[in-house]
Amino acid sequence: MGQTMALADDIQSGGKALVYDKGETIFRQGETDPHLYFVQKGFLKAYYLTASGKEYVKTFVPENDFIGSSNVYRYPQTGCTFTLVCLEPSRLLRLKYTDLINIVQQTPESALALINMLIDVIAKKERREFEFLCLSAEERYQQILKNTPELLKRATQNDIARYLGITPVALSRIRSRMTGNPSSALMT
């Protein structure tokens, strides 16, 4: 956590503090936003939108976490691959990827923090990929209950269903089976 905070401190000194309301979009899929964001306060949702308008939740981003579209840094002409929106009033620090590279070239502690942050991102992506390929929707929901129960309080049931890759009705059925309460199947 110390290295992460050192990186957050560097971002604070070189970045820009921004405040967003609940429901406000930070960037949209297809736009160019060459920034990394550090969530000081709030809760964000990153999601993909298909050409037919179907939404898939990529991830949720709580306090003390980072997010940005690395695709834009590597391939600026293609734009962001996802949309980032605030689910709660949020305070973020924003830093250009190019400024981040300058910081980590000058500060070994921040460079190590960035490496650790990237390893965490890779591990999360690997775990999410495993869950989608090897676990049932009910087992994926159980993983949320076990590993991130606060998500159930901060995200809507519709967003949780989209994160699990199922419909809200399917999520209600899973919840009903798990609680043994048929009336919970009607709650979404």
N, C-alpha and C. Protein backbone atom coordinates (compact mmCIF):
# COMPACT_ATOMS: atom_id res chain seq x y z
N MET A 1 0.83 -1.20 0.00
CA MET A 1 0.00 0.00 0.00
C MET A 1 0.87 1.26 0.00
N GLY A 2 2.04 1.23 0.64
CA GLY A 2 2.92 2.38 0.70
C GLY A 2 3.38 2.82 -0.67
N GLN A 3 3.75 1.85 -1.53
CA GLN A 3 4.17 2.18 -2.88
C GLN A 3 3.01 2.76 -3.68
N THR A 4 1.83 2.19 -3.52
CA THR A 4 0.65 2.69 -4.22
C THR A 4 0.38 4.12 -3.81
N MET A 5 0.50 4.39 -2.52
CA MET A 5 0.25 5.76 -2.04
C MET A 5 1.34 6.70 -2.56
N ALA A 6 2.58 6.21 -2.67
CA ALA A 6 3.65 7.05 -3.23
C ALA A 6 3.30 7.41 -4.68
N LEU A 7 2.82 6.43 -5.43
CA LEU A 7 2.42 6.70 -6.81
C LEU A 7 1.23 7.66 -6.83
N ALA A 8 0.27 7.45 -5.93
CA ALA A 8 -0.87 8.36 -5.84
C ALA A 8 -0.41 9.78 -5.49
N ASP A 9 0.58 9.89 -4.60
CA ASP A 9 1.13 11.21 -4.26
C ASP A 9 1.78 11.87 -5.48
N ASP A 10 2.53 11.07 -6.25
CA ASP A 10 3.15 11.60 -7.47
C ASP A 10 2.09 12.04 -8.48
N ILE A 11 1.03 11.25 -8.57
CA ILE A 11 -0.06 11.61 -9.48
C ILE A 11 -0.74 12.88 -9.00
N GLN A 12 -0.90 13.00 -7.68
CA GLN A 12 -1.54 14.20 -7.13
C GLN A 12 -0.70 15.44 -7.43
N SER A 13 0.62 15.31 -7.29
CA SER A 13 1.46 16.48 -7.54
C SER A 13 1.54 16.83 -9.02
N GLY A 14 1.43 15.82 -9.90
CA GLY A 14 1.53 16.08 -11.33
C GLY A 14 0.22 16.02 -12.07
N GLY A 15 -0.83 15.56 -11.37
CA GLY A 15 -2.12 15.38 -12.04
C GLY A 15 -3.11 16.47 -11.70
N LYS A 16 -4.32 16.23 -12.09
CA LYS A 16 -5.40 17.20 -11.87
C LYS A 16 -6.51 16.54 -11.07
N ALA A 17 -6.96 17.21 -10.02
CA ALA A 17 -8.07 16.72 -9.21
C ALA A 17 -9.39 17.07 -9.91
N LEU A 18 -10.27 16.08 -10.00
CA LEU A 18 -11.56 16.28 -10.65
C LEU A 18 -12.67 15.73 -9.77
N VAL A 19 -13.84 16.37 -9.81
CA VAL A 19 -14.99 15.93 -9.05
C VAL A 19 -16.13 15.65 -10.03
N TYR A 20 -16.77 14.48 -9.85
CA TYR A 20 -17.87 14.07 -10.72
C TYR A 20 -19.09 13.73 -9.88
N ASP A 21 -20.26 13.97 -10.44
CA ASP A 21 -21.52 13.59 -9.80
C ASP A 21 -21.86 12.15 -10.16
N LYS A 22 -22.73 11.56 -9.38
CA LYS A 22 -23.26 10.23 -9.68
C LYS A 22 -23.89 10.26 -11.08
N GLY A 23 -23.56 9.26 -11.89
CA GLY A 23 -24.11 9.16 -13.23
C GLY A 23 -23.31 9.88 -14.30
N GLU A 24 -22.32 10.66 -13.89
CA GLU A 24 -21.52 11.41 -14.85
C GLU A 24 -20.50 10.49 -15.54
N THR A 25 -20.35 10.67 -16.83
CA THR A 25 -19.42 9.87 -17.62
C THR A 25 -18.05 10.55 -17.66
N ILE A 26 -17.01 9.77 -17.43
CA ILE A 26 -15.64 10.28 -17.47
C ILE A 26 -15.12 10.23 -18.90
N PHE A 27 -15.30 9.10 -19.56
CA PHE A 27 -15.03 8.99 -20.99
C PHE A 27 -15.91 7.89 -21.58
N ARG A 28 -16.10 7.97 -22.89
CA ARG A 28 -16.95 7.01 -23.58
C ARG A 28 -16.12 6.11 -24.50
N GLN A 29 -16.65 4.94 -24.71
CA GLN A 29 -16.06 4.00 -25.66
C GLN A 29 -15.91 4.70 -27.01
N GLY A 30 -14.71 4.60 -27.60
CA GLY A 30 -14.46 5.22 -28.90
C GLY A 30 -13.78 6.58 -28.80
N GLU A 31 -13.93 7.26 -27.64
CA GLU A 31 -13.26 8.54 -27.45
C GLU A 31 -11.78 8.32 -27.13
N THR A 32 -11.02 9.38 -27.30
CA THR A 32 -9.61 9.33 -26.94
C THR A 32 -9.44 10.01 -25.58
N ASP A 33 -8.98 9.26 -24.61
CA ASP A 33 -8.71 9.81 -23.27
C ASP A 33 -7.39 9.20 -22.79
N PRO A 34 -6.29 9.90 -23.00
CA PRO A 34 -4.97 9.35 -22.68
C PRO A 34 -4.55 9.56 -21.23
N HIS A 35 -5.46 9.26 -20.30
CA HIS A 35 -5.20 9.51 -18.88
C HIS A 35 -5.36 8.26 -18.04
N LEU A 36 -4.66 8.26 -16.93
CA LEU A 36 -4.84 7.29 -15.87
C LEU A 36 -5.58 8.01 -14.75
N TYR A 37 -6.55 7.34 -14.15
CA TYR A 37 -7.35 7.93 -13.07
C TYR A 37 -7.11 7.15 -11.78
N PHE A 38 -6.96 7.89 -10.69
CA PHE A 38 -6.86 7.32 -9.36
C PHE A 38 -8.11 7.75 -8.61
N VAL A 39 -8.85 6.78 -8.06
CA VAL A 39 -10.10 7.06 -7.36
C VAL A 39 -9.79 7.38 -5.90
N GLN A 40 -9.91 8.64 -5.53
CA GLN A 40 -9.73 9.04 -4.14
C GLN A 40 -11.00 8.75 -3.34
N LYS A 41 -12.14 9.02 -3.97
CA LYS A 41 -13.44 8.80 -3.32
C LYS A 41 -14.44 8.46 -4.40
N GLY A 42 -15.32 7.51 -4.10
CA GLY A 42 -16.36 7.17 -5.05
C GLY A 42 -16.28 5.74 -5.53
N PHE A 43 -17.06 5.46 -6.56
CA PHE A 43 -17.20 4.10 -7.09
C PHE A 43 -17.56 4.22 -8.56
N LEU A 44 -16.78 3.59 -9.43
CA LEU A 44 -16.95 3.71 -10.87
C LEU A 44 -17.32 2.38 -11.50
N LYS A 45 -17.89 2.46 -12.68
CA LYS A 45 -18.20 1.27 -13.48
C LYS A 45 -17.59 1.47 -14.86
N ALA A 46 -16.86 0.45 -15.32
CA ALA A 46 -16.34 0.43 -16.68
C ALA A 46 -17.14 -0.61 -17.44
N TYR A 47 -17.65 -0.23 -18.62
CA TYR A 47 -18.46 -1.18 -19.36
C TYR A 47 -18.25 -1.06 -20.87
N TYR A 48 -18.54 -2.17 -21.54
CA TYR A 48 -18.51 -2.25 -23.00
C TYR A 48 -19.94 -2.16 -23.50
N LEU A 49 -20.11 -1.54 -24.66
CA LEU A 49 -21.41 -1.45 -25.29
C LEU A 49 -21.29 -2.01 -26.70
N THR A 50 -22.10 -3.02 -27.01
CA THR A 50 -22.05 -3.63 -28.33
C THR A 50 -22.76 -2.74 -29.35
N ALA A 51 -22.57 -3.04 -30.61
CA ALA A 51 -23.22 -2.28 -31.68
C ALA A 51 -24.74 -2.35 -31.56
N SER A 52 -25.24 -3.44 -30.98
CA SER A 52 -26.70 -3.57 -30.82
C SER A 52 -27.21 -2.92 -29.54
N GLY A 53 -26.30 -2.32 -28.74
CA GLY A 53 -26.71 -1.62 -27.53
C GLY A 53 -26.67 -2.45 -26.26
N LYS A 54 -26.16 -3.67 -26.34
CA LYS A 54 -26.08 -4.51 -25.15
C LYS A 54 -24.85 -4.11 -24.33
N GLU A 55 -25.05 -4.00 -23.02
CA GLU A 55 -23.99 -3.57 -22.11
C GLU A 55 -23.40 -4.77 -21.36
N TYR A 56 -22.06 -4.78 -21.28
CA TYR A 56 -21.34 -5.77 -20.48
C TYR A 56 -20.42 -5.02 -19.52
N VAL A 57 -20.56 -5.28 -18.23
CA VAL A 57 -19.72 -4.59 -17.25
C VAL A 57 -18.36 -5.25 -17.20
N LYS A 58 -17.35 -4.45 -17.48
CA LYS A 58 -15.95 -4.90 -17.46
C LYS A 58 -15.46 -5.04 -16.03
N THR A 59 -15.66 -3.98 -15.25
CA THR A 59 -15.17 -3.98 -13.87
C THR A 59 -15.82 -2.84 -13.09
N PHE A 60 -15.68 -2.93 -11.78
CA PHE A 60 -16.05 -1.85 -10.88
C PHE A 60 -14.76 -1.32 -10.25
N VAL A 61 -14.70 -0.02 -10.01
CA VAL A 61 -13.47 0.60 -9.52
C VAL A 61 -13.76 1.35 -8.22
N PRO A 62 -13.29 0.82 -7.08
CA PRO A 62 -13.52 1.48 -5.80
C PRO A 62 -12.41 2.48 -5.47
N GLU A 63 -12.49 3.06 -4.28
CA GLU A 63 -11.47 3.98 -3.80
C GLU A 63 -10.10 3.31 -3.79
N ASN A 64 -9.08 4.12 -3.95
CA ASN A 64 -7.67 3.70 -3.93
C ASN A 64 -7.32 2.73 -5.04
N ASP A 65 -8.06 2.80 -6.14
CA ASP A 65 -7.76 1.97 -7.30
C ASP A 65 -7.55 2.88 -8.51
N PHE A 66 -6.87 2.34 -9.51
CA PHE A 66 -6.55 3.07 -10.72
C PHE A 66 -7.32 2.48 -11.90
N ILE A 67 -7.59 3.32 -12.89
CA ILE A 67 -8.16 2.83 -14.15
C ILE A 67 -7.86 3.83 -15.26
N GLY A 68 -7.74 3.32 -16.43
CA GLY A 68 -7.55 4.12 -17.64
C GLY A 68 -7.60 3.17 -18.82
N SER A 69 -7.76 3.70 -19.99
CA SER A 69 -7.76 2.87 -21.19
C SER A 69 -6.34 2.79 -21.72
N SER A 70 -5.65 1.71 -21.38
CA SER A 70 -4.27 1.54 -21.85
C SER A 70 -4.23 1.40 -23.37
N ASN A 71 -5.35 1.00 -23.96
CA ASN A 71 -5.44 0.90 -25.41
C ASN A 71 -5.13 2.24 -26.06
N VAL A 72 -5.60 3.34 -25.45
CA VAL A 72 -5.37 4.67 -26.00
C VAL A 72 -3.89 5.04 -25.95
N TYR A 73 -3.21 4.63 -24.89
CA TYR A 73 -1.77 4.93 -24.80
C TYR A 73 -1.01 4.19 -25.89
N ARG A 74 -1.33 2.92 -26.08
CA ARG A 74 -0.60 2.10 -27.04
C ARG A 74 -1.06 2.36 -28.47
N TYR A 75 -2.37 2.53 -28.67
CA TYR A 75 -2.95 2.72 -30.01
C TYR A 75 -3.89 3.93 -30.01
N PRO A 76 -3.34 5.14 -29.95
CA PRO A 76 -4.17 6.34 -29.77
C PRO A 76 -5.24 6.54 -30.84
N GLN A 77 -5.01 6.05 -32.03
CA GLN A 77 -5.98 6.24 -33.11
C GLN A 77 -7.23 5.40 -32.94
N THR A 78 -7.22 4.38 -32.07
CA THR A 78 -8.37 3.49 -31.93
C THR A 78 -9.37 3.95 -30.87
N GLY A 79 -8.96 4.74 -29.93
CA GLY A 79 -9.86 5.22 -28.88
C GLY A 79 -10.05 4.23 -27.75
N CYS A 80 -10.78 4.65 -26.75
CA CYS A 80 -11.06 3.82 -25.58
C CYS A 80 -11.95 2.65 -25.97
N THR A 81 -11.69 1.50 -25.40
CA THR A 81 -12.50 0.31 -25.71
C THR A 81 -13.71 0.18 -24.80
N PHE A 82 -13.80 1.02 -23.77
CA PHE A 82 -14.91 0.94 -22.82
C PHE A 82 -15.31 2.34 -22.38
N THR A 83 -16.47 2.41 -21.71
CA THR A 83 -16.99 3.64 -21.13
C THR A 83 -16.77 3.59 -19.63
N LEU A 84 -16.46 4.73 -19.02
CA LEU A 84 -16.23 4.82 -17.58
C LEU A 84 -17.22 5.83 -17.00
N VAL A 85 -18.02 5.39 -16.02
CA VAL A 85 -19.06 6.22 -15.44
C VAL A 85 -19.03 6.13 -13.92
N CYS A 86 -19.45 7.20 -13.25
CA CYS A 86 -19.48 7.24 -11.79
C CYS A 86 -20.81 6.67 -11.28
N LEU A 87 -20.74 5.70 -10.38
CA LEU A 87 -21.94 5.17 -9.75
C LEU A 87 -22.24 5.90 -8.44
N GLU A 88 -21.28 6.66 -7.98
CA GLU A 88 -21.41 7.48 -6.78
C GLU A 88 -20.71 8.80 -7.04
N PRO A 89 -21.02 9.85 -6.28
CA PRO A 89 -20.21 11.07 -6.40
C PRO A 89 -18.74 10.68 -6.19
N SER A 90 -17.86 11.20 -7.04
CA SER A 90 -16.48 10.73 -7.04
C SER A 90 -15.48 11.87 -7.13
N ARG A 91 -14.34 11.65 -6.49
CA ARG A 91 -13.20 12.57 -6.59
C ARG A 91 -12.03 11.76 -7.15
N LEU A 92 -11.53 12.20 -8.30
CA LEU A 92 -10.48 11.46 -9.00
C LEU A 92 -9.26 12.34 -9.22
N LEU A 93 -8.12 11.69 -9.34
CA LEU A 93 -6.91 12.36 -9.81
C LEU A 93 -6.66 11.86 -11.22
N ARG A 94 -6.39 12.78 -12.14
CA ARG A 94 -6.17 12.42 -13.54
C ARG A 94 -4.75 12.82 -13.95
N LEU A 95 -4.08 11.90 -14.61
CA LEU A 95 -2.71 12.14 -15.08
C LEU A 95 -2.54 11.55 -16.46
N LYS A 96 -1.92 12.31 -17.37
CA LYS A 96 -1.65 11.79 -18.70
C LYS A 96 -0.68 10.61 -18.60
N TYR A 97 -0.89 9.62 -19.45
CA TYR A 97 0.02 8.48 -19.48
C TYR A 97 1.46 8.92 -19.73
N THR A 98 1.66 9.91 -20.60
CA THR A 98 3.03 10.37 -20.88
C THR A 98 3.67 10.98 -19.63
N ASP A 99 2.90 11.68 -18.82
CA ASP A 99 3.43 12.23 -17.56
C ASP A 99 3.71 11.12 -16.56
N LEU A 100 2.89 10.08 -16.56
CA LEU A 100 3.11 8.93 -15.69
C LEU A 100 4.45 8.27 -16.04
N ILE A 101 4.72 8.11 -17.31
CA ILE A 101 6.00 7.51 -17.74
C ILE A 101 7.16 8.37 -17.25
N ASN A 102 7.05 9.68 -17.34
CA ASN A 102 8.10 10.57 -16.84
C ASN A 102 8.30 10.40 -15.33
N ILE A 103 7.22 10.29 -14.59
CA ILE A 103 7.31 10.12 -13.13
C ILE A 103 8.04 8.84 -12.79
N VAL A 104 7.64 7.73 -13.39
CA VAL A 104 8.25 6.45 -13.02
C VAL A 104 9.70 6.34 -13.49
N GLN A 105 10.07 7.11 -14.51
CA GLN A 105 11.47 7.13 -14.93
C GLN A 105 12.34 7.87 -13.91
N GLN A 106 11.74 8.77 -13.16
CA GLN A 106 12.49 9.58 -12.20
C GLN A 106 12.40 9.08 -10.77
N THR A 107 11.38 8.28 -10.46
CA THR A 107 11.13 7.88 -9.07
C THR A 107 11.03 6.35 -8.99
N PRO A 108 12.10 5.70 -8.49
CA PRO A 108 12.08 4.23 -8.42
C PRO A 108 10.92 3.65 -7.61
N GLU A 109 10.54 4.31 -6.51
CA GLU A 109 9.44 3.80 -5.70
C GLU A 109 8.12 3.83 -6.49
N SER A 110 7.92 4.88 -7.26
CA SER A 110 6.72 4.95 -8.09
C SER A 110 6.78 3.94 -9.24
N ALA A 111 7.96 3.71 -9.77
CA ALA A 111 8.11 2.70 -10.83
C ALA A 111 7.74 1.32 -10.29
N LEU A 112 8.21 1.00 -9.09
CA LEU A 112 7.87 -0.29 -8.48
C LEU A 112 6.38 -0.38 -8.20
N ALA A 113 5.78 0.71 -7.75
CA ALA A 113 4.33 0.73 -7.51
C ALA A 113 3.57 0.50 -8.80
N LEU A 114 4.02 1.11 -9.90
CA LEU A 114 3.35 0.92 -11.18
C LEU A 114 3.49 -0.54 -11.63
N ILE A 115 4.65 -1.13 -11.46
CA ILE A 115 4.84 -2.54 -11.81
C ILE A 115 3.89 -3.41 -11.01
N ASN A 116 3.81 -3.17 -9.71
CA ASN A 116 2.90 -3.95 -8.85
C ASN A 116 1.44 -3.74 -9.25
N MET A 117 1.09 -2.50 -9.61
CA MET A 117 -0.26 -2.21 -10.04
C MET A 117 -0.57 -2.98 -11.33
N LEU A 118 0.37 -3.01 -12.26
CA LEU A 118 0.16 -3.74 -13.51
C LEU A 118 0.05 -5.23 -13.28
N ILE A 119 0.84 -5.76 -12.36
CA ILE A 119 0.73 -7.19 -12.01
C ILE A 119 -0.64 -7.47 -11.41
N ASP A 120 -1.15 -6.57 -10.56
CA ASP A 120 -2.49 -6.73 -10.00
C ASP A 120 -3.55 -6.74 -11.09
N VAL A 121 -3.42 -5.84 -12.06
CA VAL A 121 -4.38 -5.78 -13.17
C VAL A 121 -4.34 -7.08 -13.96
N ILE A 122 -3.15 -7.58 -14.24
CA ILE A 122 -3.01 -8.83 -14.99
C ILE A 122 -3.63 -9.98 -14.20
N ALA A 123 -3.39 -10.03 -12.89
CA ALA A 123 -3.95 -11.10 -12.06
C ALA A 123 -5.48 -11.03 -12.03
N LYS A 124 -6.04 -9.82 -11.92
CA LYS A 124 -7.50 -9.66 -11.93
C LYS A 124 -8.09 -10.12 -13.26
N LYS A 125 -7.43 -9.74 -14.35
CA LYS A 125 -7.91 -10.15 -15.67
C LYS A 125 -7.83 -11.67 -15.83
N GLU A 126 -6.75 -12.26 -15.34
CA GLU A 126 -6.61 -13.72 -15.41
C GLU A 126 -7.69 -14.42 -14.60
N ARG A 127 -7.97 -13.90 -13.39
CA ARG A 127 -9.01 -14.49 -12.55
C ARG A 127 -10.39 -14.35 -13.20
N ARG A 128 -10.67 -13.18 -13.76
CA ARG A 128 -11.97 -12.95 -14.41
C ARG A 128 -12.12 -13.87 -15.62
N GLU A 129 -11.07 -14.01 -16.39
CA GLU A 129 -11.10 -14.92 -17.54
C GLU A 129 -11.36 -16.36 -17.09
N PHE A 130 -10.68 -16.80 -16.04
CA PHE A 130 -10.90 -18.13 -15.49
C PHE A 130 -12.35 -18.31 -15.07
N GLU A 131 -12.89 -17.32 -14.35
CA GLU A 131 -14.26 -17.42 -13.87
C GLU A 131 -15.25 -17.55 -15.02
N PHE A 132 -15.05 -16.77 -16.09
CA PHE A 132 -15.97 -16.85 -17.22
C PHE A 132 -15.84 -18.16 -18.00
N LEU A 133 -14.65 -18.69 -18.07
CA LEU A 133 -14.44 -19.90 -18.86
C LEU A 133 -14.69 -21.19 -18.07
N CYS A 134 -14.51 -21.13 -16.75
CA CYS A 134 -14.53 -22.37 -15.96
C CYS A 134 -15.62 -22.45 -14.89
N LEU A 135 -16.26 -21.35 -14.57
CA LEU A 135 -17.27 -21.36 -13.51
C LEU A 135 -18.65 -21.05 -14.08
N SER A 136 -19.65 -21.60 -13.43
CA SER A 136 -21.03 -21.28 -13.80
C SER A 136 -21.37 -19.88 -13.29
N ALA A 137 -22.48 -19.34 -13.76
CA ALA A 137 -22.92 -18.02 -13.30
C ALA A 137 -23.13 -18.03 -11.78
N GLU A 138 -23.69 -19.11 -11.26
CA GLU A 138 -23.90 -19.20 -9.81
C GLU A 138 -22.57 -19.21 -9.07
N GLU A 139 -21.60 -19.92 -9.59
CA GLU A 139 -20.27 -19.93 -8.95
C GLU A 139 -19.61 -18.56 -9.04
N ARG A 140 -19.82 -17.85 -10.15
CA ARG A 140 -19.27 -16.49 -10.27
C ARG A 140 -19.92 -15.58 -9.24
N TYR A 141 -21.23 -15.72 -9.03
CA TYR A 141 -21.93 -14.93 -8.03
C TYR A 141 -21.39 -15.26 -6.63
N GLN A 142 -21.14 -16.53 -6.37
CA GLN A 142 -20.57 -16.94 -5.08
C GLN A 142 -19.19 -16.30 -4.86
N GLN A 143 -18.44 -16.13 -5.94
CA GLN A 143 -17.13 -15.47 -5.83
C GLN A 143 -17.30 -14.01 -5.39
N ILE A 144 -18.34 -13.36 -5.90
CA ILE A 144 -18.61 -11.98 -5.46
C ILE A 144 -18.95 -11.97 -3.97
N LEU A 145 -19.83 -12.89 -3.56
CA LEU A 145 -20.21 -12.96 -2.14
C LEU A 145 -18.99 -13.19 -1.25
N LYS A 146 -18.08 -14.01 -1.71
CA LYS A 146 -16.90 -14.36 -0.92
C LYS A 146 -15.83 -13.27 -0.96
N ASN A 147 -15.54 -12.74 -2.15
CA ASN A 147 -14.38 -11.86 -2.31
C ASN A 147 -14.68 -10.36 -2.30
N THR A 148 -15.86 -9.97 -2.75
CA THR A 148 -16.19 -8.54 -2.83
C THR A 148 -17.65 -8.29 -2.44
N PRO A 149 -18.06 -8.68 -1.23
CA PRO A 149 -19.47 -8.51 -0.85
C PRO A 149 -19.93 -7.05 -0.85
N GLU A 150 -19.01 -6.10 -0.69
CA GLU A 150 -19.39 -4.68 -0.71
C GLU A 150 -19.94 -4.28 -2.07
N LEU A 151 -19.58 -5.01 -3.10
CA LEU A 151 -20.11 -4.75 -4.43
C LEU A 151 -21.63 -4.83 -4.45
N LEU A 152 -22.19 -5.73 -3.67
CA LEU A 152 -23.65 -5.91 -3.63
C LEU A 152 -24.36 -4.69 -3.05
N LYS A 153 -23.65 -3.90 -2.26
CA LYS A 153 -24.24 -2.70 -1.66
C LYS A 153 -24.05 -1.47 -2.54
N ARG A 154 -23.04 -1.49 -3.41
CA ARG A 154 -22.68 -0.29 -4.17
C ARG A 154 -23.14 -0.32 -5.62
N ALA A 155 -23.42 -1.50 -6.15
CA ALA A 155 -23.84 -1.63 -7.55
C ALA A 155 -25.29 -2.12 -7.60
N THR A 156 -25.98 -1.77 -8.66
CA THR A 156 -27.36 -2.24 -8.82
C THR A 156 -27.35 -3.72 -9.19
N GLN A 157 -28.49 -4.37 -8.99
CA GLN A 157 -28.61 -5.77 -9.38
C GLN A 157 -28.44 -5.93 -10.90
N ASN A 158 -28.93 -4.95 -11.66
CA ASN A 158 -28.75 -5.00 -13.11
C ASN A 158 -27.27 -4.95 -13.48
N ASP A 159 -26.51 -4.08 -12.82
CA ASP A 159 -25.08 -3.99 -13.11
C ASP A 159 -24.35 -5.26 -12.68
N ILE A 160 -24.74 -5.83 -11.56
CA ILE A 160 -24.11 -7.08 -11.11
C ILE A 160 -24.40 -8.19 -12.11
N ALA A 161 -25.63 -8.25 -12.61
CA ALA A 161 -25.98 -9.25 -13.63
C ALA A 161 -25.12 -9.05 -14.88
N ARG A 162 -24.97 -7.81 -15.31
CA ARG A 162 -24.15 -7.53 -16.50
C ARG A 162 -22.68 -7.88 -16.26
N TYR A 163 -22.22 -7.70 -15.04
CA TYR A 163 -20.85 -8.08 -14.68
C TYR A 163 -20.68 -9.60 -14.73
N LEU A 164 -21.71 -10.31 -14.31
CA LEU A 164 -21.68 -11.78 -14.33
C LEU A 164 -21.93 -12.34 -15.73
N GLY A 165 -22.40 -11.52 -16.65
CA GLY A 165 -22.69 -11.97 -18.00
C GLY A 165 -24.02 -12.68 -18.12
N ILE A 166 -24.97 -12.32 -17.24
CA ILE A 166 -26.29 -12.96 -17.25
C ILE A 166 -27.36 -11.87 -17.22
N THR A 167 -28.63 -12.28 -17.35
CA THR A 167 -29.73 -11.33 -17.28
C THR A 167 -30.09 -11.07 -15.81
N PRO A 168 -30.74 -9.97 -15.53
CA PRO A 168 -31.21 -9.72 -14.16
C PRO A 168 -32.16 -10.83 -13.66
N VAL A 169 -32.96 -11.39 -14.55
CA VAL A 169 -33.88 -12.47 -14.17
C VAL A 169 -33.06 -13.69 -13.74
N ALA A 170 -32.02 -14.02 -14.49
CA ALA A 170 -31.16 -15.17 -14.13
C ALA A 170 -30.49 -14.93 -12.79
N LEU A 171 -30.07 -13.69 -12.53
CA LEU A 171 -29.47 -13.37 -11.23
C LEU A 171 -30.50 -13.55 -10.12
N SER A 172 -31.72 -13.11 -10.33
CA SER A 172 -32.77 -13.29 -9.32
C SER A 172 -33.00 -14.77 -9.02
N ARG A 173 -32.97 -15.58 -10.05
CA ARG A 173 -33.15 -17.02 -9.85
C ARG A 173 -32.00 -17.63 -9.05
N ILE A 174 -30.80 -17.20 -9.35
CA ILE A 174 -29.62 -17.67 -8.60
C ILE A 174 -29.76 -17.28 -7.14
N ARG A 175 -30.10 -16.03 -6.89
CA ARG A 175 -30.26 -15.55 -5.51
C ARG A 175 -31.35 -16.33 -4.80
N SER A 176 -32.43 -16.61 -5.50
CA SER A 176 -33.53 -17.37 -4.92
C SER A 176 -33.10 -18.78 -4.53
N ARG A 177 -32.39 -19.45 -5.42
CA ARG A 177 -31.90 -20.81 -5.12
C ARG A 177 -30.94 -20.80 -3.94
N MET A 178 -30.09 -19.79 -3.87
CA MET A 178 -29.09 -19.74 -2.80
C MET A 178 -29.70 -19.43 -1.44
N THR A 179 -30.76 -18.62 -1.43
CA THR A 179 -31.38 -18.27 -0.16
C THR A 179 -32.53 -19.20 0.20
N GLY A 180 -33.01 -19.96 -0.80
CA GLY A 180 -34.15 -20.83 -0.56
C GLY A 180 -35.44 -20.06 -0.40
N ASN A 181 -35.44 -18.81 -0.89
CA ASN A 181 -36.60 -17.91 -0.75
C ASN A 181 -37.13 -17.56 -2.13
N PRO A 182 -38.24 -18.19 -2.55
CA PRO A 182 -38.77 -17.90 -3.89
C PRO A 182 -39.12 -16.43 -4.12
N SER A 183 -39.51 -15.70 -3.07
CA SER A 183 -39.88 -14.30 -3.27
C SER A 183 -38.67 -13.45 -3.60
N SER A 184 -37.44 -13.89 -3.25
CA SER A 184 -36.25 -13.09 -3.59
C SER A 184 -36.00 -13.11 -5.09
N ALA A 185 -36.61 -14.04 -5.82
CA ALA A 185 -36.45 -14.09 -7.27
C ALA A 185 -37.13 -12.89 -7.92
N LEU A 186 -38.06 -12.25 -7.21
CA LEU A 186 -38.75 -11.10 -7.76
C LEU A 186 -38.01 -9.81 -7.50
N MET A 187 -37.00 -9.83 -6.66
CA MET A 187 -36.26 -8.61 -6.31
C MET A 187 -35.11 -8.42 -7.28
N THR A 188 -35.05 -7.25 -7.90
CA THR A 188 -33.91 -6.91 -8.77
C THR A 188 -33.48 -5.51 -8.54
